[in-house]
Amino acid sequence: MSPHTPPSARADDPVAEQARAWIVFLASGEHSDARMQAFEQWLAEPVHRRAFEHERRLWRSLGPSPLAPATAVAPLPGVGRPRRRRLRWAAAAAAVVALLVAWPDAWLRLQADHRSNYQVQAVQLPDGSRAVLDADSAIAVHFDAHARRIELLRGRAWFEVTADGQRRFSVAAGNGVVEDISTAFTVARLDDTVETEVGQGRVRVANPVDGGWTYLQVGQRASYGAHSGVTRLADVAADRVGAWRQGELLLDETAVAEAVQEVGRYRRGPTFVRGDLSRLPAVSAALRIDQPEQALDALAATAGLQVTRLPLGVAIVHP
């Protein structure tokens, strides 16, 4: 056992086993209020929290590919441990691997330090900086004595950075990085593309496709992709950057299906599109996302669509 491994993190330790069970529960997505309360009570014990953080770091290190845990789990028990202990550890590993395959969302749940649901969520970071997560967004925080690194796992986030001359603040997203110089800015993951906008100060952006840094200042935007370098986009007014933080969704010549998807992320229930909306003209609108049902109705009226609402919060948008 590593000298840095807490005693409660041994593979055969009951607390470690409980921690792994809670990880499986959290990744399952089936969170009843009673179970969440029980988890919070369990986590309140310092020894439980240490074991939980150790186990979560372990599963983070296995990587998102279903094949990675299978190859990484084998050496973990260590040479010379009893067969029963190896079997217990392998069973716990197999349970999490199966979970990651069965629930595509499970890996995100284990990776994220902060995750929003259908509402915008403000987060205070360890250095005093502030992040605001858009709906359905997630970040992982990697701060140490030498660097402040945020990983944008999903969605969109605004960062207001506290100055630190010894540690640069960066946001990794996709295959690139957005690095703070002295600023507030947004970073968004949109399918295979990452976009950043500067609300204050300056940032610099890079990815491996073209190398080097692209510098941006207030109102400037850029994007990059898995197979494309950093590209400058049209400038915007500074007060439009991260307008969703103030409860406003600004659509500018946006395809109707994309606009419906954007509004849908702020609803409690799922939003579906029925029929082909690709021939409809693009829409421009300013919608209140803190009133998502009214926003969806307003968008539908603008595009000449109808909204059918079903139980459990389901909304179907159709011609």
C-alpha atoms as a PDB file:
ATOM      1  CA  MET A   1       0.000   0.000   0.000  1.00  0.00           C
ATOM      2  CA  SER A   2       1.288   3.454  -0.903  1.00  0.00           C
ATOM      3  CA  PRO A   3       2.347   5.645   2.047  1.00  0.00           C
ATOM      4  CA  HIS A   4      -0.131   8.231   0.717  1.00  0.00           C
ATOM      5  CA  THR A   5      -3.061   5.803   0.766  1.00  0.00           C
ATOM      6  CA  PRO A   6      -5.354   6.309   3.769  1.00  0.00           C
ATOM      7  CA  PRO A   7      -5.728   3.194   5.948  1.00  0.00           C
ATOM      8  CA  SER A   8      -9.450   3.047   5.172  1.00  0.00           C
ATOM      9  CA  ALA A   9      -8.693   2.713   1.439  1.00  0.00           C
ATOM     10  CA  ARG A  10      -7.443  -0.898   1.608  1.00  0.00           C
ATOM     11  CA  ALA A  11      -9.308  -3.110  -0.836  1.00  0.00           C
ATOM     12  CA  ASP A  12     -10.696  -5.297   1.939  1.00  0.00           C
ATOM     13  CA  ASP A  13     -11.538  -2.464   4.333  1.00  0.00           C
ATOM     14  CA  PRO A  14     -15.274  -2.128   5.078  1.00  0.00           C
ATOM     15  CA  VAL A  15     -15.140   1.666   4.725  1.00  0.00           C
ATOM     16  CA  ALA A  16     -13.461   1.370   1.317  1.00  0.00           C
ATOM     17  CA  GLU A  17     -16.154  -1.078   0.235  1.00  0.00           C
ATOM     18  CA  GLN A  18     -18.839   1.335   1.427  1.00  0.00           C
ATOM     19  CA  ALA A  19     -17.152   4.136  -0.537  1.00  0.00           C
ATOM     20  CA  ARG A  20     -17.205   2.040  -3.716  1.00  0.00           C
ATOM     21  CA  ALA A  21     -20.875   1.237  -3.125  1.00  0.00           C
ATOM     22  CA  TRP A  22     -21.670   4.951  -2.813  1.00  0.00           C
ATOM     23  CA  ILE A  23     -19.759   5.667  -6.035  1.00  0.00           C
ATOM     24  CA  VAL A  24     -21.909   3.104  -7.845  1.00  0.00           C
ATOM     25  CA  PHE A  25     -25.032   4.693  -6.343  1.00  0.00           C
ATOM     26  CA  LEU A  26     -24.025   8.226  -7.397  1.00  0.00           C
ATOM     27  CA  ALA A  27     -23.185   7.108 -10.914  1.00  0.00           C
ATOM     28  CA  SER A  28     -26.494   5.275 -11.347  1.00  0.00           C
ATOM     29  CA  GLY A  29     -28.507   8.484 -11.610  1.00  0.00           C
ATOM     30  CA  GLU A  30     -31.273   7.077  -9.398  1.00  0.00           C
ATOM     31  CA  HIS A  31     -31.000   9.522  -6.519  1.00  0.00           C
ATOM     32  CA  SER A  32     -33.856   9.439  -4.031  1.00  0.00           C
ATOM     33  CA  ASP A  33     -33.919  12.140  -1.372  1.00  0.00           C
ATOM     34  CA  ALA A  34     -33.652   9.540   1.387  1.00  0.00           C
ATOM     35  CA  ARG A  35     -30.602   7.868  -0.140  1.00  0.00           C
ATOM     36  CA  MET A  36     -28.896  11.210  -0.816  1.00  0.00           C
ATOM     37  CA  GLN A  37     -29.481  12.210   2.811  1.00  0.00           C
ATOM     38  CA  ALA A  38     -27.999   8.912   3.959  1.00  0.00           C
ATOM     39  CA  PHE A  39     -24.976   9.471   1.722  1.00  0.00           C
ATOM     40  CA  GLU A  40     -24.423  12.986   3.091  1.00  0.00           C
ATOM     41  CA  GLN A  41     -24.607  11.667   6.664  1.00  0.00           C
ATOM     42  CA  TRP A  42     -22.122   8.916   5.827  1.00  0.00           C
ATOM     43  CA  LEU A  43     -19.779  11.396   4.118  1.00  0.00           C
ATOM     44  CA  ALA A  44     -19.791  13.711   7.159  1.00  0.00           C
ATOM     45  CA  GLU A  45     -17.353  11.365   8.933  1.00  0.00           C
ATOM     46  CA  PRO A  46     -13.763  12.438   8.086  1.00  0.00           C
ATOM     47  CA  VAL A  47     -12.560   8.851   7.628  1.00  0.00           C
ATOM     48  CA  HIS A  48     -15.456   8.193   5.243  1.00  0.00           C
ATOM     49  CA  ARG A  49     -14.717  11.335   3.211  1.00  0.00           C
ATOM     50  CA  ARG A  50     -11.031  10.384   2.882  1.00  0.00           C
ATOM     51  CA  ALA A  51     -11.939   6.897   1.702  1.00  0.00           C
ATOM     52  CA  PHE A  52     -14.520   8.243  -0.744  1.00  0.00           C
ATOM     53  CA  GLU A  53     -12.095  10.778  -2.266  1.00  0.00           C
ATOM     54  CA  HIS A  54      -9.424   8.098  -2.576  1.00  0.00           C
ATOM     55  CA  GLU A  55     -11.782   5.711  -4.375  1.00  0.00           C
ATOM     56  CA  ARG A  56     -13.086   8.457  -6.644  1.00  0.00           C
ATOM     57  CA  ARG A  57      -9.535   9.464  -7.626  1.00  0.00           C
ATOM     58  CA  LEU A  58      -8.827   5.824  -8.406  1.00  0.00           C
ATOM     59  CA  TRP A  59     -11.796   5.462 -10.750  1.00  0.00           C
ATOM     60  CA  ARG A  60     -11.013   8.806 -12.368  1.00  0.00           C
ATOM     61  CA  SER A  61      -7.535   7.520 -13.193  1.00  0.00           C
ATOM     62  CA  LEU A  62      -8.899   4.526 -15.096  1.00  0.00           C
ATOM     63  CA  GLY A  63      -9.932   6.617 -18.118  1.00  0.00           C
ATOM     64  CA  PRO A  64     -13.275   6.919 -19.969  1.00  0.00           C
ATOM     65  CA  SER A  65     -12.766   4.033 -22.375  1.00  0.00           C
ATOM     66  CA  PRO A  66     -14.555   0.814 -21.302  1.00  0.00           C
ATOM     67  CA  LEU A  67     -11.319  -1.039 -22.164  1.00  0.00           C
ATOM     68  CA  ALA A  68      -9.114   1.108 -19.945  1.00  0.00           C
ATOM     69  CA  PRO A  69     -10.524  -0.075 -16.590  1.00  0.00           C
ATOM     70  CA  ALA A  70     -10.315  -3.695 -17.717  1.00  0.00           C
ATOM     71  CA  THR A  71      -6.561  -3.384 -18.354  1.00  0.00           C
ATOM     72  CA  ALA A  72      -5.881  -1.162 -15.348  1.00  0.00           C
ATOM     73  CA  VAL A  73      -7.715  -3.167 -12.713  1.00  0.00           C
ATOM     74  CA  ALA A  74      -5.593  -6.338 -12.849  1.00  0.00           C
ATOM     75  CA  PRO A  75      -2.419  -5.049 -11.129  1.00  0.00           C
ATOM     76  CA  LEU A  76      -4.211  -3.102  -8.408  1.00  0.00           C
ATOM     77  CA  PRO A  77      -4.537  -5.919  -5.836  1.00  0.00           C
ATOM     78  CA  GLY A  78      -0.738  -6.260  -5.690  1.00  0.00           C
ATOM     79  CA  VAL A  79       1.456  -9.324  -5.534  1.00  0.00           C
ATOM     80  CA  GLY A  80       1.043 -11.565  -2.519  1.00  0.00           C
ATOM     81  CA  ARG A  81      -2.396 -10.473  -1.378  1.00  0.00           C
ATOM     82  CA  PRO A  82      -4.794 -13.255  -0.470  1.00  0.00           C
ATOM     83  CA  ARG A  83      -6.982 -14.604  -3.246  1.00  0.00           C
ATOM     84  CA  ARG A  84     -10.144 -13.579  -1.373  1.00  0.00           C
ATOM     85  CA  ARG A  85      -8.948  -9.977  -1.219  1.00  0.00           C
ATOM     86  CA  ARG A  86      -8.161  -9.981  -4.966  1.00  0.00           C
ATOM     87  CA  LEU A  87     -11.595 -11.329  -5.757  1.00  0.00           C
ATOM     88  CA  ARG A  88     -13.288  -8.638  -3.653  1.00  0.00           C
ATOM     89  CA  TRP A  89     -11.309  -5.917  -5.377  1.00  0.00           C
ATOM     90  CA  ALA A  90     -11.962  -7.393  -8.838  1.00  0.00           C
ATOM     91  CA  ALA A  91     -15.685  -7.626  -8.075  1.00  0.00           C
ATOM     92  CA  ALA A  92     -15.818  -3.978  -7.063  1.00  0.00           C
ATOM     93  CA  ALA A  93     -13.863  -2.983 -10.180  1.00  0.00           C
ATOM     94  CA  ALA A  94     -16.105  -5.084 -12.417  1.00  0.00           C
ATOM     95  CA  ALA A  95     -19.194  -3.449 -10.942  1.00  0.00           C
ATOM     96  CA  VAL A  96     -17.948   0.028 -11.778  1.00  0.00           C
ATOM     97  CA  VAL A  97     -16.744  -0.997 -15.248  1.00  0.00           C
ATOM     98  CA  ALA A  98     -20.160  -2.512 -15.978  1.00  0.00           C
ATOM     99  CA  LEU A  99     -21.777   0.646 -14.697  1.00  0.00           C
ATOM    100  CA  LEU A 100     -19.705   2.855 -17.008  1.00  0.00           C
ATOM    101  CA  VAL A 101     -20.787   0.751 -19.979  1.00  0.00           C
ATOM    102  CA  ALA A 102     -24.448   0.558 -18.953  1.00  0.00           C
ATOM    103  CA  TRP A 103     -24.835   4.272 -18.155  1.00  0.00           C
ATOM    104  CA  PRO A 104     -22.959   6.551 -20.601  1.00  0.00           C
ATOM    105  CA  ASP A 105     -23.543   9.356 -18.102  1.00  0.00           C
ATOM    106  CA  ALA A 106     -21.840   7.468 -15.282  1.00  0.00           C
ATOM    107  CA  TRP A 107     -18.322   8.467 -16.235  1.00  0.00           C
ATOM    108  CA  LEU A 108     -19.292  12.136 -16.189  1.00  0.00           C
ATOM    109  CA  ARG A 109     -20.783  11.760 -12.710  1.00  0.00           C
ATOM    110  CA  LEU A 110     -17.561  10.273 -11.381  1.00  0.00           C
ATOM    111  CA  GLN A 111     -15.337  12.831 -13.101  1.00  0.00           C
ATOM    112  CA  ALA A 112     -17.208  16.012 -12.218  1.00  0.00           C
ATOM    113  CA  ASP A 113     -16.580  18.055  -9.091  1.00  0.00           C
ATOM    114  CA  HIS A 114     -19.481  20.374  -9.936  1.00  0.00           C
ATOM    115  CA  ARG A 115     -22.448  19.632 -12.170  1.00  0.00           C
ATOM    116  CA  SER A 116     -25.620  21.584 -12.917  1.00  0.00           C
ATOM    117  CA  ASN A 117     -29.035  20.207 -13.792  1.00  0.00           C
ATOM    118  CA  TYR A 118     -31.607  22.326 -15.651  1.00  0.00           C
ATOM    119  CA  GLN A 119     -30.655  25.483 -13.775  1.00  0.00           C
ATOM    120  CA  VAL A 120     -27.675  27.840 -13.881  1.00  0.00           C
ATOM    121  CA  GLN A 121     -25.396  27.184 -10.899  1.00  0.00           C
ATOM    122  CA  ALA A 122     -22.737  29.445  -9.324  1.00  0.00           C
ATOM    123  CA  VAL A 123     -19.611  27.778  -7.892  1.00  0.00           C
ATOM    124  CA  GLN A 124     -16.936  29.275  -5.636  1.00  0.00           C
ATOM    125  CA  LEU A 125     -13.531  27.830  -6.560  1.00  0.00           C
ATOM    126  CA  PRO A 126     -10.792  27.097  -3.993  1.00  0.00           C
ATOM    127  CA  ASP A 127      -8.694  30.141  -4.974  1.00  0.00           C
ATOM    128  CA  GLY A 128     -11.573  32.603  -4.666  1.00  0.00           C
ATOM    129  CA  SER A 129     -12.325  32.610  -8.387  1.00  0.00           C
ATOM    130  CA  ARG A 130     -15.926  32.096  -9.443  1.00  0.00           C
ATOM    131  CA  ALA A 131     -17.456  29.796 -12.021  1.00  0.00           C
ATOM    132  CA  VAL A 132     -21.038  29.898 -13.246  1.00  0.00           C
ATOM    133  CA  LEU A 133     -22.259  26.706 -14.912  1.00  0.00           C
ATOM    134  CA  ASP A 134     -24.950  26.890 -17.544  1.00  0.00           C
ATOM    135  CA  ALA A 135     -27.695  24.267 -17.387  1.00  0.00           C
ATOM    136  CA  ASP A 136     -26.538  20.679 -18.033  1.00  0.00           C
ATOM    137  CA  SER A 137     -22.860  21.512 -17.581  1.00  0.00           C
ATOM    138  CA  ALA A 138     -20.031  19.958 -15.587  1.00  0.00           C
ATOM    139  CA  ILE A 139     -16.469  20.791 -14.563  1.00  0.00           C
ATOM    140  CA  ALA A 140     -13.610  19.043 -12.789  1.00  0.00           C
ATOM    141  CA  VAL A 141     -11.263  21.134 -10.628  1.00  0.00           C
ATOM    142  CA  HIS A 142      -7.527  20.372 -10.589  1.00  0.00           C
ATOM    143  CA  PHE A 143      -5.765  22.915  -8.362  1.00  0.00           C
ATOM    144  CA  ASP A 144      -2.368  22.417  -6.761  1.00  0.00           C
ATOM    145  CA  ALA A 145       0.596  24.508  -5.603  1.00  0.00           C
ATOM    146  CA  HIS A 146       1.757  25.114  -9.168  1.00  0.00           C
ATOM    147  CA  ALA A 147      -1.336  25.443 -11.382  1.00  0.00           C
ATOM    148  CA  ARG A 148      -5.061  26.122 -11.439  1.00  0.00           C
ATOM    149  CA  ARG A 149      -6.670  23.935 -14.064  1.00  0.00           C
ATOM    150  CA  ILE A 150     -10.360  23.454 -14.794  1.00  0.00           C
ATOM    151  CA  GLU A 151     -11.623  20.736 -17.112  1.00  0.00           C
ATOM    152  CA  LEU A 152     -14.891  21.549 -18.877  1.00  0.00           C
ATOM    153  CA  LEU A 153     -16.530  18.138 -19.181  1.00  0.00           C
ATOM    154  CA  ARG A 154     -19.860  19.235 -20.625  1.00  0.00           C
ATOM    155  CA  GLY A 155     -21.847  22.326 -21.511  1.00  0.00           C
ATOM    156  CA  ARG A 156     -20.861  25.912 -20.902  1.00  0.00           C
ATOM    157  CA  ALA A 157     -19.297  27.890 -18.079  1.00  0.00           C
ATOM    158  CA  TRP A 158     -18.325  31.460 -17.198  1.00  0.00           C
ATOM    159  CA  PHE A 159     -15.140  32.066 -15.225  1.00  0.00           C
ATOM    160  CA  GLU A 160     -14.289  35.177 -13.213  1.00  0.00           C
ATOM    161  CA  VAL A 161     -10.673  34.708 -12.195  1.00  0.00           C
ATOM    162  CA  THR A 162      -8.879  35.893  -9.072  1.00  0.00           C
ATOM    163  CA  ALA A 163      -5.340  37.091  -9.797  1.00  0.00           C
ATOM    164  CA  ASP A 164      -2.491  34.798  -8.741  1.00  0.00           C
ATOM    165  CA  GLY A 165       0.977  35.674 -10.012  1.00  0.00           C
ATOM    166  CA  GLN A 166       2.333  32.213  -9.179  1.00  0.00           C
ATOM    167  CA  ARG A 167      -0.370  30.035 -10.751  1.00  0.00           C
ATOM    168  CA  ARG A 168      -1.855  30.548 -14.206  1.00  0.00           C
ATOM    169  CA  PHE A 169      -5.587  29.752 -14.545  1.00  0.00           C
ATOM    170  CA  SER A 170      -6.534  27.552 -17.515  1.00  0.00           C
ATOM    171  CA  VAL A 171      -9.609  25.737 -18.817  1.00  0.00           C
ATOM    172  CA  ALA A 172      -9.107  22.509 -20.767  1.00  0.00           C
ATOM    173  CA  ALA A 173     -11.917  21.635 -23.176  1.00  0.00           C
ATOM    174  CA  GLY A 174     -11.795  19.153 -26.020  1.00  0.00           C
ATOM    175  CA  ASN A 175      -8.263  18.986 -27.407  1.00  0.00           C
ATOM    176  CA  GLY A 176      -7.359  22.574 -26.532  1.00  0.00           C
ATOM    177  CA  VAL A 177      -6.950  25.031 -23.701  1.00  0.00           C
ATOM    178  CA  VAL A 178      -8.136  28.540 -22.871  1.00  0.00           C
ATOM    179  CA  GLU A 179      -5.734  30.331 -20.558  1.00  0.00           C
ATOM    180  CA  ASP A 180      -6.563  33.363 -18.479  1.00  0.00           C
ATOM    181  CA  ILE A 181      -4.388  36.448 -18.609  1.00  0.00           C
ATOM    182  CA  SER A 182      -6.558  38.857 -16.569  1.00  0.00           C
ATOM    183  CA  THR A 183     -10.176  38.349 -17.389  1.00  0.00           C
ATOM    184  CA  ALA A 184     -13.675  36.948 -17.182  1.00  0.00           C
ATOM    185  CA  PHE A 185     -14.668  34.663 -20.028  1.00  0.00           C
ATOM    186  CA  THR A 186     -16.888  31.797 -21.153  1.00  0.00           C
ATOM    187  CA  VAL A 187     -15.977  28.406 -22.588  1.00  0.00           C
ATOM    188  CA  ALA A 188     -18.549  26.132 -24.241  1.00  0.00           C
ATOM    189  CA  ARG A 189     -18.397  22.570 -25.576  1.00  0.00           C
ATOM    190  CA  LEU A 190     -20.728  22.229 -28.567  1.00  0.00           C
ATOM    191  CA  ASP A 191     -20.553  18.683 -29.942  1.00  0.00           C
ATOM    192  CA  ASP A 192     -17.044  18.512 -31.456  1.00  0.00           C
ATOM    193  CA  THR A 193     -16.406  22.252 -31.260  1.00  0.00           C
ATOM    194  CA  VAL A 194     -15.245  24.454 -28.392  1.00  0.00           C
ATOM    195  CA  GLU A 195     -16.024  28.183 -28.316  1.00  0.00           C
ATOM    196  CA  THR A 196     -14.730  30.910 -26.018  1.00  0.00           C
ATOM    197  CA  GLU A 197     -15.832  34.526 -25.561  1.00  0.00           C
ATOM    198  CA  VAL A 198     -14.158  37.263 -23.518  1.00  0.00           C
ATOM    199  CA  GLY A 199     -16.246  39.451 -21.242  1.00  0.00           C
ATOM    200  CA  GLN A 200     -13.371  41.272 -19.519  1.00  0.00           C
ATOM    201  CA  GLY A 201      -9.606  41.446 -19.940  1.00  0.00           C
ATOM    202  CA  ARG A 202      -7.765  38.961 -22.170  1.00  0.00           C
ATOM    203  CA  VAL A 203      -7.303  35.240 -22.754  1.00  0.00           C
ATOM    204  CA  ARG A 204      -5.159  33.140 -25.034  1.00  0.00           C
ATOM    205  CA  VAL A 205      -6.305  29.975 -26.823  1.00  0.00           C
ATOM    206  CA  ALA A 206      -4.402  27.041 -28.327  1.00  0.00           C
ATOM    207  CA  ASN A 207      -4.888  23.501 -29.560  1.00  0.00           C
ATOM    208  CA  PRO A 208      -2.486  20.947 -31.077  1.00  0.00           C
ATOM    209  CA  VAL A 209      -3.820  21.282 -34.649  1.00  0.00           C
ATOM    210  CA  ASP A 210      -2.102  24.579 -35.404  1.00  0.00           C
ATOM    211  CA  GLY A 211       0.001  25.236 -32.282  1.00  0.00           C
ATOM    212  CA  GLY A 212       0.868  28.643 -30.895  1.00  0.00           C
ATOM    213  CA  TRP A 213      -1.435  31.033 -29.077  1.00  0.00           C
ATOM    214  CA  THR A 214      -4.341  33.134 -30.334  1.00  0.00           C
ATOM    215  CA  TYR A 215      -4.946  36.168 -28.110  1.00  0.00           C
ATOM    216  CA  LEU A 216      -8.456  37.524 -27.491  1.00  0.00           C
ATOM    217  CA  GLN A 217      -9.714  40.603 -25.683  1.00  0.00           C
ATOM    218  CA  VAL A 218     -13.109  42.012 -24.655  1.00  0.00           C
ATOM    219  CA  GLY A 219     -15.904  41.047 -27.047  1.00  0.00           C
ATOM    220  CA  GLN A 220     -13.717  38.755 -29.146  1.00  0.00           C
ATOM    221  CA  ARG A 221     -14.540  35.104 -29.788  1.00  0.00           C
ATOM    222  CA  ALA A 222     -12.832  32.033 -31.170  1.00  0.00           C
ATOM    223  CA  SER A 223     -13.508  28.345 -31.737  1.00  0.00           C
ATOM    224  CA  TYR A 224     -11.521  25.176 -32.380  1.00  0.00           C
ATOM    225  CA  GLY A 225     -12.312  21.541 -33.076  1.00  0.00           C
ATOM    226  CA  ALA A 226     -10.808  18.084 -32.898  1.00  0.00           C
ATOM    227  CA  HIS A 227      -9.407  18.473 -36.420  1.00  0.00           C
ATOM    228  CA  SER A 228      -9.344  22.245 -36.841  1.00  0.00           C
ATOM    229  CA  GLY A 229      -7.163  24.979 -35.431  1.00  0.00           C
ATOM    230  CA  VAL A 230      -8.245  28.111 -33.579  1.00  0.00           C
ATOM    231  CA  THR A 231     -10.532  30.303 -35.708  1.00  0.00           C
ATOM    232  CA  ARG A 232     -11.632  33.827 -34.883  1.00  0.00           C
ATOM    233  CA  LEU A 233     -15.401  34.396 -34.896  1.00  0.00           C
ATOM    234  CA  ALA A 234     -17.377  37.609 -35.270  1.00  0.00           C
ATOM    235  CA  ASP A 235     -17.035  39.965 -32.306  1.00  0.00           C
ATOM    236  CA  VAL A 236     -19.952  40.544 -29.926  1.00  0.00           C
ATOM    237  CA  ALA A 237     -20.871  43.265 -27.464  1.00  0.00           C
ATOM    238  CA  ALA A 238     -19.274  42.623 -24.069  1.00  0.00           C
ATOM    239  CA  ASP A 239     -22.669  42.630 -22.333  1.00  0.00           C
ATOM    240  CA  ARG A 240     -23.793  39.730 -24.537  1.00  0.00           C
ATOM    241  CA  VAL A 241     -21.013  37.448 -23.285  1.00  0.00           C
ATOM    242  CA  GLY A 242     -22.518  34.945 -20.871  1.00  0.00           C
ATOM    243  CA  ALA A 243     -25.941  36.590 -20.986  1.00  0.00           C
ATOM    244  CA  TRP A 244     -27.436  33.268 -19.821  1.00  0.00           C
ATOM    245  CA  ARG A 245     -25.954  34.022 -16.376  1.00  0.00           C
ATOM    246  CA  GLN A 246     -28.568  36.768 -16.057  1.00  0.00           C
ATOM    247  CA  GLY A 247     -31.395  34.488 -17.193  1.00  0.00           C
ATOM    248  CA  GLU A 248     -31.383  35.555 -20.847  1.00  0.00           C
ATOM    249  CA  LEU A 249     -30.858  33.348 -23.887  1.00  0.00           C
ATOM    250  CA  LEU A 250     -29.840  35.333 -26.969  1.00  0.00           C
ATOM    251  CA  LEU A 251     -30.496  33.632 -30.290  1.00  0.00           C
ATOM    252  CA  ASP A 252     -28.940  35.201 -33.373  1.00  0.00           C
ATOM    253  CA  GLU A 253     -29.904  33.605 -36.703  1.00  0.00           C
ATOM    254  CA  THR A 254     -30.075  30.220 -35.000  1.00  0.00           C
ATOM    255  CA  ALA A 255     -31.477  27.103 -36.678  1.00  0.00           C
ATOM    256  CA  VAL A 256     -34.887  26.290 -35.204  1.00  0.00           C
ATOM    257  CA  ALA A 257     -33.995  22.750 -34.078  1.00  0.00           C
ATOM    258  CA  GLU A 258     -30.882  24.085 -32.347  1.00  0.00           C
ATOM    259  CA  ALA A 259     -32.921  26.849 -30.711  1.00  0.00           C
ATOM    260  CA  VAL A 260     -35.402  24.285 -29.365  1.00  0.00           C
ATOM    261  CA  GLN A 261     -32.508  22.248 -27.989  1.00  0.00           C
ATOM    262  CA  GLU A 262     -31.060  25.337 -26.318  1.00  0.00           C
ATOM    263  CA  VAL A 263     -34.340  26.202 -24.594  1.00  0.00           C
ATOM    264  CA  GLY A 264     -34.920  22.558 -23.679  1.00  0.00           C
ATOM    265  CA  ARG A 265     -31.810  22.378 -21.519  1.00  0.00           C
ATOM    266  CA  TYR A 266     -33.487  24.732 -19.006  1.00  0.00           C
ATOM    267  CA  ARG A 267     -36.666  22.645 -18.679  1.00  0.00           C
ATOM    268  CA  ARG A 268     -37.232  20.073 -15.928  1.00  0.00           C
ATOM    269  CA  GLY A 269     -38.506  17.448 -18.374  1.00  0.00           C
ATOM    270  CA  PRO A 270     -37.219  16.230 -21.762  1.00  0.00           C
ATOM    271  CA  THR A 271     -37.924  18.178 -24.952  1.00  0.00           C
ATOM    272  CA  PHE A 272     -38.378  16.372 -28.272  1.00  0.00           C
ATOM    273  CA  VAL A 273     -38.671  17.579 -31.854  1.00  0.00           C
ATOM    274  CA  ARG A 274     -41.052  15.791 -34.213  1.00  0.00           C
ATOM    275  CA  GLY A 275     -40.751  16.398 -37.920  1.00  0.00           C
ATOM    276  CA  ASP A 276     -38.156  18.090 -40.102  1.00  0.00           C
ATOM    277  CA  LEU A 277     -37.453  21.669 -39.024  1.00  0.00           C
ATOM    278  CA  SER A 278     -34.408  22.164 -41.255  1.00  0.00           C
ATOM    279  CA  ARG A 279     -36.337  24.142 -43.892  1.00  0.00           C
ATOM    280  CA  LEU A 280     -37.669  26.696 -41.441  1.00  0.00           C
ATOM    281  CA  PRO A 281     -35.931  30.090 -41.463  1.00  0.00           C
ATOM    282  CA  ALA A 282     -33.428  30.759 -38.697  1.00  0.00           C
ATOM    283  CA  VAL A 283     -34.693  32.643 -35.666  1.00  0.00           C
ATOM    284  CA  SER A 284     -33.386  35.597 -33.670  1.00  0.00           C
ATOM    285  CA  ALA A 285     -34.848  36.205 -30.240  1.00  0.00           C
ATOM    286  CA  ALA A 286     -34.119  37.122 -26.627  1.00  0.00           C
ATOM    287  CA  LEU A 287     -35.779  34.594 -24.310  1.00  0.00           C
ATOM    288  CA  ARG A 288     -35.984  34.328 -20.524  1.00  0.00           C
ATOM    289  CA  ILE A 289     -34.509  30.988 -19.513  1.00  0.00           C
ATOM    290  CA  ASP A 290     -35.617  31.465 -15.916  1.00  0.00           C
ATOM    291  CA  GLN A 291     -39.128  31.021 -17.389  1.00  0.00           C
ATOM    292  CA  PRO A 292     -38.409  28.094 -19.729  1.00  0.00           C
ATOM    293  CA  GLU A 293     -42.006  27.099 -20.469  1.00  0.00           C
ATOM    294  CA  GLN A 294     -42.887  30.612 -21.610  1.00  0.00           C
ATOM    295  CA  ALA A 295     -39.623  30.727 -23.566  1.00  0.00           C
ATOM    296  CA  LEU A 296     -40.465  27.492 -25.382  1.00  0.00           C
ATOM    297  CA  ASP A 297     -43.949  28.776 -26.235  1.00  0.00           C
ATOM    298  CA  ALA A 298     -42.523  32.064 -27.491  1.00  0.00           C
ATOM    299  CA  LEU A 299     -39.958  30.280 -29.645  1.00  0.00           C
ATOM    300  CA  ALA A 300     -42.625  27.963 -31.076  1.00  0.00           C
ATOM    301  CA  ALA A 301     -44.865  30.925 -31.907  1.00  0.00           C
ATOM    302  CA  THR A 302     -41.990  32.739 -33.619  1.00  0.00           C
ATOM    303  CA  ALA A 303     -41.149  29.700 -35.764  1.00  0.00           C
ATOM    304  CA  GLY A 304     -44.772  28.718 -36.471  1.00  0.00           C
ATOM    305  CA  LEU A 305     -44.623  25.531 -34.400  1.00  0.00           C
ATOM    306  CA  GLN A 306     -46.803  23.909 -31.766  1.00  0.00           C
ATOM    307  CA  VAL A 307     -45.899  22.472 -28.376  1.00  0.00           C
ATOM    308  CA  THR A 308     -47.661  19.382 -27.026  1.00  0.00           C
ATOM    309  CA  ARG A 309     -47.061  18.763 -23.330  1.00  0.00           C
ATOM    310  CA  LEU A 310     -47.354  15.313 -21.780  1.00  0.00           C
ATOM    311  CA  PRO A 311     -47.060  13.986 -18.213  1.00  0.00           C
ATOM    312  CA  LEU A 312     -43.668  13.931 -16.481  1.00  0.00           C
ATOM    313  CA  GLY A 313     -42.696  17.244 -18.047  1.00  0.00           C
ATOM    314  CA  VAL A 314     -42.334  15.898 -21.597  1.00  0.00           C
ATOM    315  CA  ALA A 315     -42.712  18.533 -24.348  1.00  0.00           C
ATOM    316  CA  ILE A 316     -42.971  17.687 -28.062  1.00  0.00           C
ATOM    317  CA  VAL A 317     -42.328  20.502 -30.524  1.00  0.00           C
ATOM    318  CA  HIS A 318     -43.781  19.934 -33.993  1.00  0.00           C
ATOM    319  CA  PRO A 319     -45.077  21.778 -37.081  1.00  0.00           C
END
